[in-house]
Amino acid sequence: MGTIITEKNLEEARHAIALLAVKEGVSETEICASIMEAISVGLANQNPAVQARWRSITPNGERITPERLIAWAAKKI
């Protein structure tokens, strides 16, 4: 069973992105672009175990977004 991500979790992730952007002196768009690049690399991995892990982030086949990835990771920690 996948981890349930709520709208509150996504809002907290958006807030984390905003805080990181301020801390790093870059835009939120730049932070999200970097995360999307990492997501793309991860999704391209051919290892079945890695693919299963990525599928577990959005078990309903939803698109993985930076906010969703952060919310998922926060719940796993």
PDB file of N, CA and C in Angstrom:
ATOM      1  N   MET A   1       0.838  -1.177   0.000  1.00  0.00           N
ATOM      2  CA  MET A   1       0.000   0.000   0.000  1.00  0.00           C
ATOM      3  C   MET A   1       0.882   1.239   0.000  1.00  0.00           C
ATOM      4  N   GLY A   2       0.500   2.232  -0.791  1.00  0.00           N
ATOM      5  CA  GLY A   2       1.284   3.442  -0.906  1.00  0.00           C
ATOM      6  C   GLY A   2       1.070   4.398   0.251  1.00  0.00           C
ATOM      7  N   THR A   3       1.919   5.364   0.317  1.00  0.00           N
ATOM      8  CA  THR A   3       1.822   6.405   1.328  1.00  0.00           C
ATOM      9  C   THR A   3       0.802   7.430   0.859  1.00  0.00           C
ATOM     10  N   ILE A   4      -0.157   7.754   1.705  1.00  0.00           N
ATOM     11  CA  ILE A   4      -1.187   8.719   1.341  1.00  0.00           C
ATOM     12  C   ILE A   4      -0.634  10.128   1.528  1.00  0.00           C
ATOM     13  N   ILE A   5      -0.715  10.912   0.456  1.00  0.00           N
ATOM     14  CA  ILE A   5      -0.246  12.286   0.461  1.00  0.00           C
ATOM     15  C   ILE A   5      -1.479  13.185   0.442  1.00  0.00           C
ATOM     16  N   THR A   6      -1.587  14.056   1.429  1.00  0.00           N
ATOM     17  CA  THR A   6      -2.727  14.956   1.516  1.00  0.00           C
ATOM     18  C   THR A   6      -2.375  16.326   0.933  1.00  0.00           C
ATOM     19  N   GLU A   7      -3.390  17.141   0.750  1.00  0.00           N
ATOM     20  CA  GLU A   7      -3.155  18.508   0.277  1.00  0.00           C
ATOM     21  C   GLU A   7      -2.305  19.282   1.289  1.00  0.00           C
ATOM     22  N   LYS A   8      -2.504  19.006   2.573  1.00  0.00           N
ATOM     23  CA  LYS A   8      -1.685  19.645   3.613  1.00  0.00           C
ATOM     24  C   LYS A   8      -0.216  19.260   3.448  1.00  0.00           C
ATOM     25  N   ASN A   9       0.044  17.975   3.151  1.00  0.00           N
ATOM     26  CA  ASN A   9       1.422  17.531   2.929  1.00  0.00           C
ATOM     27  C   ASN A   9       2.039  18.258   1.741  1.00  0.00           C
ATOM     28  N   LEU A  10       1.257  18.441   0.671  1.00  0.00           N
ATOM     29  CA  LEU A  10       1.762  19.131  -0.517  1.00  0.00           C
ATOM     30  C   LEU A  10       2.027  20.604  -0.217  1.00  0.00           C
ATOM     31  N   GLU A  11       1.162  21.207   0.580  1.00  0.00           N
ATOM     32  CA  GLU A  11       1.371  22.605   0.963  1.00  0.00           C
ATOM     33  C   GLU A  11       2.648  22.747   1.794  1.00  0.00           C
ATOM     34  N   GLU A  12       2.878  21.817   2.702  1.00  0.00           N
ATOM     35  CA  GLU A  12       4.111  21.838   3.493  1.00  0.00           C
ATOM     36  C   GLU A  12       5.333  21.684   2.599  1.00  0.00           C
ATOM     37  N   ALA A  13       5.221  20.850   1.581  1.00  0.00           N
ATOM     38  CA  ALA A  13       6.329  20.671   0.638  1.00  0.00           C
ATOM     39  C   ALA A  13       6.571  21.953  -0.154  1.00  0.00           C
ATOM     40  N   ARG A  14       5.502  22.623  -0.579  1.00  0.00           N
ATOM     41  CA  ARG A  14       5.654  23.900  -1.284  1.00  0.00           C
ATOM     42  C   ARG A  14       6.345  24.925  -0.383  1.00  0.00           C
ATOM     43  N   HIS A  15       5.990  24.906   0.884  1.00  0.00           N
ATOM     44  CA  HIS A  15       6.622  25.818   1.844  1.00  0.00           C
ATOM     45  C   HIS A  15       8.119  25.489   1.983  1.00  0.00           C
ATOM     46  N   ALA A  16       8.444  24.212   2.027  1.00  0.00           N
ATOM     47  CA  ALA A  16       9.853  23.799   2.124  1.00  0.00           C
ATOM     48  C   ALA A  16      10.637  24.259   0.897  1.00  0.00           C
ATOM     49  N   ILE A  17      10.023  24.159  -0.271  1.00  0.00           N
ATOM     50  CA  ILE A  17      10.678  24.617  -1.500  1.00  0.00           C
ATOM     51  C   ILE A  17      10.931  26.118  -1.424  1.00  0.00           C
ATOM     52  N   ALA A  18       9.942  26.859  -0.948  1.00  0.00           N
ATOM     53  CA  ALA A  18      10.090  28.315  -0.822  1.00  0.00           C
ATOM     54  C   ALA A  18      11.213  28.669   0.143  1.00  0.00           C
ATOM     55  N   LEU A  19      11.270  27.982   1.268  1.00  0.00           N
ATOM     56  CA  LEU A  19      12.331  28.240   2.240  1.00  0.00           C
ATOM     57  C   LEU A  19      13.703  27.907   1.663  1.00  0.00           C
ATOM     58  N   LEU A  20      13.812  26.805   0.964  1.00  0.00           N
ATOM     59  CA  LEU A  20      15.090  26.418   0.364  1.00  0.00           C
ATOM     60  C   LEU A  20      15.522  27.423  -0.690  1.00  0.00           C
ATOM     61  N   ALA A  21      14.572  27.908  -1.468  1.00  0.00           N
ATOM     62  CA  ALA A  21      14.901  28.898  -2.496  1.00  0.00           C
ATOM     63  C   ALA A  21      15.484  30.157  -1.863  1.00  0.00           C
ATOM     64  N   VAL A  22      14.870  30.617  -0.777  1.00  0.00           N
ATOM     65  CA  VAL A  22      15.391  31.801  -0.077  1.00  0.00           C
ATOM     66  C   VAL A  22      16.786  31.508   0.470  1.00  0.00           C
ATOM     67  N   LYS A  23      16.932  30.355   1.107  1.00  0.00           N
ATOM     68  CA  LYS A  23      18.222  29.995   1.705  1.00  0.00           C
ATOM     69  C   LYS A  23      19.331  29.928   0.655  1.00  0.00           C
ATOM     70  N   GLU A  24      19.003  29.375  -0.506  1.00  0.00           N
ATOM     71  CA  GLU A  24      20.010  29.200  -1.555  1.00  0.00           C
ATOM     72  C   GLU A  24      20.138  30.424  -2.474  1.00  0.00           C
ATOM     73  N   GLY A  25      19.222  31.376  -2.327  1.00  0.00           N
ATOM     74  CA  GLY A  25      19.289  32.582  -3.156  1.00  0.00           C
ATOM     75  C   GLY A  25      18.914  32.335  -4.602  1.00  0.00           C
ATOM     76  N   VAL A  26      18.021  31.394  -4.828  1.00  0.00           N
ATOM     77  CA  VAL A  26      17.557  31.092  -6.173  1.00  0.00           C
ATOM     78  C   VAL A  26      16.025  31.110  -6.174  1.00  0.00           C
ATOM     79  N   SER A  27      15.439  30.963  -7.347  1.00  0.00           N
ATOM     80  CA  SER A  27      13.983  30.970  -7.425  1.00  0.00           C
ATOM     81  C   SER A  27      13.410  29.588  -7.089  1.00  0.00           C
ATOM     82  N   GLU A  28      12.156  29.583  -6.717  1.00  0.00           N
ATOM     83  CA  GLU A  28      11.466  28.313  -6.478  1.00  0.00           C
ATOM     84  C   GLU A  28      11.434  27.486  -7.758  1.00  0.00           C
ATOM     85  N   THR A  29      11.337  28.155  -8.888  1.00  0.00           N
ATOM     86  CA  THR A  29      11.341  27.462 -10.182  1.00  0.00           C
ATOM     87  C   THR A  29      12.649  26.707 -10.391  1.00  0.00           C
ATOM     88  N   GLU A  30      13.754  27.331  -9.993  1.00  0.00           N
ATOM     89  CA  GLU A  30      15.059  26.668 -10.129  1.00  0.00           C
ATOM     90  C   GLU A  30      15.148  25.447  -9.216  1.00  0.00           C
ATOM     91  N   ILE A  31      14.629  25.566  -8.004  1.00  0.00           N
ATOM     92  CA  ILE A  31      14.628  24.424  -7.083  1.00  0.00           C
ATOM     93  C   ILE A  31      13.817  23.288  -7.689  1.00  0.00           C
ATOM     94  N   CYS A  32      12.622  23.611  -8.176  1.00  0.00           N
ATOM     95  CA  CYS A  32      11.757  22.577  -8.755  1.00  0.00           C
ATOM     96  C   CYS A  32      12.385  21.951  -9.998  1.00  0.00           C
ATOM     97  N   ALA A  33      13.050  22.758 -10.808  1.00  0.00           N
ATOM     98  CA  ALA A  33      13.714  22.221 -12.005  1.00  0.00           C
ATOM     99  C   ALA A  33      14.809  21.235 -11.623  1.00  0.00           C
ATOM    100  N   SER A  34      15.569  21.549 -10.591  1.00  0.00           N
ATOM    101  CA  SER A  34      16.621  20.629 -10.131  1.00  0.00           C
ATOM    102  C   SER A  34      16.023  19.326  -9.628  1.00  0.00           C
ATOM    103  N   ILE A  35      14.925  19.433  -8.889  1.00  0.00           N
ATOM    104  CA  ILE A  35      14.272  18.222  -8.376  1.00  0.00           C
ATOM    105  C   ILE A  35      13.699  17.413  -9.539  1.00  0.00           C
ATOM    106  N   MET A  36      13.097  18.092 -10.520  1.00  0.00           N
ATOM    107  CA  MET A  36      12.543  17.381 -11.675  1.00  0.00           C
ATOM    108  C   MET A  36      13.640  16.659 -12.464  1.00  0.00           C
ATOM    109  N   GLU A  37      14.813  17.263 -12.526  1.00  0.00           N
ATOM    110  CA  GLU A  37      15.943  16.615 -13.202  1.00  0.00           C
ATOM    111  C   GLU A  37      16.298  15.307 -12.473  1.00  0.00           C
ATOM    112  N   ALA A  38      16.343  15.366 -11.151  1.00  0.00           N
ATOM    113  CA  ALA A  38      16.635  14.163 -10.358  1.00  0.00           C
ATOM    114  C   ALA A  38      15.537  13.113 -10.536  1.00  0.00           C
ATOM    115  N   ILE A  39      14.286  13.558 -10.573  1.00  0.00           N
ATOM    116  CA  ILE A  39      13.174  12.627 -10.790  1.00  0.00           C
ATOM    117  C   ILE A  39      13.321  11.950 -12.146  1.00  0.00           C
ATOM    118  N   SER A  40      13.642  12.718 -13.177  1.00  0.00           N
ATOM    119  CA  SER A  40      13.806  12.161 -14.526  1.00  0.00           C
ATOM    120  C   SER A  40      14.909  11.115 -14.573  1.00  0.00           C
ATOM    121  N   VAL A  41      16.020  11.408 -13.907  1.00  0.00           N
ATOM    122  CA  VAL A  41      17.125  10.446 -13.856  1.00  0.00           C
ATOM    123  C   VAL A  41      16.672   9.180 -13.136  1.00  0.00           C
ATOM    124  N   GLY A  42      15.995   9.349 -12.030  1.00  0.00           N
ATOM    125  CA  GLY A  42      15.512   8.200 -11.272  1.00  0.00           C
ATOM    126  C   GLY A  42      14.536   7.354 -12.064  1.00  0.00           C
ATOM    127  N   LEU A  43      13.606   7.999 -12.756  1.00  0.00           N
ATOM    128  CA  LEU A  43      12.618   7.265 -13.547  1.00  0.00           C
ATOM    129  C   LEU A  43      13.241   6.521 -14.717  1.00  0.00           C
ATOM    130  N   ALA A  44      14.383   7.011 -15.193  1.00  0.00           N
ATOM    131  CA  ALA A  44      15.062   6.375 -16.323  1.00  0.00           C
ATOM    132  C   ALA A  44      15.910   5.177 -15.897  1.00  0.00           C
ATOM    133  N   ASN A  45      16.100   4.992 -14.599  1.00  0.00           N
ATOM    134  CA  ASN A  45      16.905   3.878 -14.111  1.00  0.00           C
ATOM    135  C   ASN A  45      16.251   2.552 -14.504  1.00  0.00           C
ATOM    136  N   GLN A  46      17.032   1.641 -15.024  1.00  0.00           N
ATOM    137  CA  GLN A  46      16.504   0.372 -15.516  1.00  0.00           C
ATOM    138  C   GLN A  46      16.412  -0.724 -14.453  1.00  0.00           C
ATOM    139  N   ASN A  47      16.954  -0.486 -13.284  1.00  0.00           N
ATOM    140  CA  ASN A  47      16.919  -1.471 -12.206  1.00  0.00           C
ATOM    141  C   ASN A  47      15.476  -1.667 -11.742  1.00  0.00           C
ATOM    142  N   PRO A  48      14.950  -2.911 -11.784  1.00  0.00           N
ATOM    143  CA  PRO A  48      13.564  -3.158 -11.372  1.00  0.00           C
ATOM    144  C   PRO A  48      13.251  -2.712  -9.943  1.00  0.00           C
ATOM    145  N   ALA A  49      14.197  -2.848  -9.038  1.00  0.00           N
ATOM    146  CA  ALA A  49      13.969  -2.419  -7.658  1.00  0.00           C
ATOM    147  C   ALA A  49      13.827  -0.899  -7.576  1.00  0.00           C
ATOM    148  N   VAL A  50      14.633  -0.200  -8.353  1.00  0.00           N
ATOM    149  CA  VAL A  50      14.549   1.263  -8.385  1.00  0.00           C
ATOM    150  C   VAL A  50      13.217   1.685  -9.000  1.00  0.00           C
ATOM    151  N   GLN A  51      12.825   1.028 -10.072  1.00  0.00           N
ATOM    152  CA  GLN A  51      11.536   1.327 -10.708  1.00  0.00           C
ATOM    153  C   GLN A  51      10.378   1.105  -9.741  1.00  0.00           C
ATOM    154  N   ALA A  52      10.437   0.029  -8.970  1.00  0.00           N
ATOM    155  CA  ALA A  52       9.376  -0.257  -7.990  1.00  0.00           C
ATOM    156  C   ALA A  52       9.309   0.839  -6.942  1.00  0.00           C
ATOM    157  N   ARG A  53      10.456   1.326  -6.513  1.00  0.00           N
ATOM    158  CA  ARG A  53      10.485   2.401  -5.520  1.00  0.00           C
ATOM    159  C   ARG A  53       9.840   3.664  -6.080  1.00  0.00           C
ATOM    160  N   TRP A  54      10.183   4.014  -7.323  1.00  0.00           N
ATOM    161  CA  TRP A  54       9.576   5.200  -7.935  1.00  0.00           C
ATOM    162  C   TRP A  54       8.067   5.033  -8.089  1.00  0.00           C
ATOM    163  N   ARG A  55       7.632   3.846  -8.477  1.00  0.00           N
ATOM    164  CA  ARG A  55       6.185   3.587  -8.606  1.00  0.00           C
ATOM    165  C   ARG A  55       5.485   3.706  -7.262  1.00  0.00           C
ATOM    166  N   SER A  56       6.173   3.413  -6.171  1.00  0.00           N
ATOM    167  CA  SER A  56       5.553   3.494  -4.854  1.00  0.00           C
ATOM    168  C   SER A  56       5.253   4.939  -4.445  1.00  0.00           C
ATOM    169  N   ILE A  57       5.908   5.890  -5.071  1.00  0.00           N
ATOM    170  CA  ILE A  57       5.679   7.293  -4.751  1.00  0.00           C
ATOM    171  C   ILE A  57       4.288   7.720  -5.217  1.00  0.00           C
ATOM    172  N   THR A  58       3.897   7.269  -6.382  1.00  0.00           N
ATOM    173  CA  THR A  58       2.568   7.579  -6.919  1.00  0.00           C
ATOM    174  C   THR A  58       1.927   6.293  -7.427  1.00  0.00           C
ATOM    175  N   PRO A  59       1.442   5.465  -6.511  1.00  0.00           N
ATOM    176  CA  PRO A  59       0.896   4.162  -6.911  1.00  0.00           C
ATOM    177  C   PRO A  59      -0.314   4.246  -7.830  1.00  0.00           C
ATOM    178  N   ASN A  60      -0.984   5.387  -7.868  1.00  0.00           N
ATOM    179  CA  ASN A  60      -2.140   5.544  -8.750  1.00  0.00           C
ATOM    180  C   ASN A  60      -1.745   6.056 -10.123  1.00  0.00           C
ATOM    181  N   GLY A  61      -0.451   6.101 -10.386  1.00  0.00           N
ATOM    182  CA  GLY A  61       0.036   6.530 -11.689  1.00  0.00           C
ATOM    183  C   GLY A  61       0.056   8.040 -11.879  1.00  0.00           C
ATOM    184  N   GLU A  62      -0.109   8.782 -10.795  1.00  0.00           N
ATOM    185  CA  GLU A  62      -0.045  10.236 -10.893  1.00  0.00           C
ATOM    186  C   GLU A  62       1.377  10.662 -11.243  1.00  0.00           C
ATOM    187  N   ARG A  63       1.476  11.842 -11.831  1.00  0.00           N
ATOM    188  CA  ARG A  63       2.790  12.377 -12.179  1.00  0.00           C
ATOM    189  C   ARG A  63       3.550  12.716 -10.895  1.00  0.00           C
ATOM    190  N   ILE A  64       4.816  12.381 -10.859  1.00  0.00           N
ATOM    191  CA  ILE A  64       5.645  12.729  -9.711  1.00  0.00           C
ATOM    192  C   ILE A  64       6.080  14.176  -9.879  1.00  0.00           C
ATOM    193  N   THR A  65       5.744  14.981  -8.907  1.00  0.00           N
ATOM    194  CA  THR A  65       6.134  16.392  -8.900  1.00  0.00           C
ATOM    195  C   THR A  65       7.137  16.609  -7.766  1.00  0.00           C
ATOM    196  N   PRO A  66       7.856  17.717  -7.806  1.00  0.00           N
ATOM    197  CA  PRO A  66       8.762  17.988  -6.686  1.00  0.00           C
ATOM    198  C   PRO A  66       8.027  17.989  -5.340  1.00  0.00           C
ATOM    199  N   GLU A  67       6.845  18.597  -5.315  1.00  0.00           N
ATOM    200  CA  GLU A  67       6.078  18.648  -4.075  1.00  0.00           C
ATOM    201  C   GLU A  67       5.678  17.254  -3.604  1.00  0.00           C
ATOM    202  N   ARG A  68       5.239  16.428  -4.526  1.00  0.00           N
ATOM    203  CA  ARG A  68       4.820  15.073  -4.167  1.00  0.00           C
ATOM    204  C   ARG A  68       6.015  14.255  -3.678  1.00  0.00           C
ATOM    205  N   LEU A  69       7.162  14.409  -4.325  1.00  0.00           N
ATOM    206  CA  LEU A  69       8.362  13.687  -3.902  1.00  0.00           C
ATOM    207  C   LEU A  69       8.789  14.110  -2.499  1.00  0.00           C
ATOM    208  N   ILE A  70       8.771  15.420  -2.228  1.00  0.00           N
ATOM    209  CA  ILE A  70       9.150  15.906  -0.899  1.00  0.00           C
ATOM    210  C   ILE A  70       8.168  15.404   0.154  1.00  0.00           C
ATOM    211  N   ALA A  71       6.872  15.475  -0.141  1.00  0.00           N
ATOM    212  CA  ALA A  71       5.858  15.013   0.818  1.00  0.00           C
ATOM    213  C   ALA A  71       6.015  13.524   1.082  1.00  0.00           C
ATOM    214  N   TRP A  72       6.270  12.746   0.052  1.00  0.00           N
ATOM    215  CA  TRP A  72       6.465  11.302   0.194  1.00  0.00           C
ATOM    216  C   TRP A  72       7.694  11.014   1.066  1.00  0.00           C
ATOM    217  N   ALA A  73       8.803  11.720   0.746  1.00  0.00           N
ATOM    218  CA  ALA A  73      10.042  11.502   1.507  1.00  0.00           C
ATOM    219  C   ALA A  73       9.868  11.906   2.969  1.00  0.00           C
ATOM    220  N   ALA A  74       9.161  12.996   3.216  1.00  0.00           N
ATOM    221  CA  ALA A  74       8.941  13.451   4.587  1.00  0.00           C
ATOM    222  C   ALA A  74       8.149  12.403   5.383  1.00  0.00           C
ATOM    223  N   LYS A  75       7.203  11.758   4.751  1.00  0.00           N
ATOM    224  CA  LYS A  75       6.420  10.737   5.441  1.00  0.00           C
ATOM    225  C   LYS A  75       7.255   9.477   5.710  1.00  0.00           C
ATOM    226  N   LYS A  76       8.239   9.225   4.860  1.00  0.00           N
ATOM    227  CA  LYS A  76       9.078   8.053   5.014  1.00  0.00           C
ATOM    228  C   LYS A  76      10.135   8.225   6.097  1.00  0.00           C
ATOM    229  N   ILE A  77      10.475   9.465   6.407  1.00  0.00           N
ATOM    230  CA  ILE A  77      11.529   9.728   7.397  1.00  0.00           C
ATOM    231  C   ILE A  77      10.987   9.572   8.802  1.00  0.00           C
TER     232      ILE A  77
END
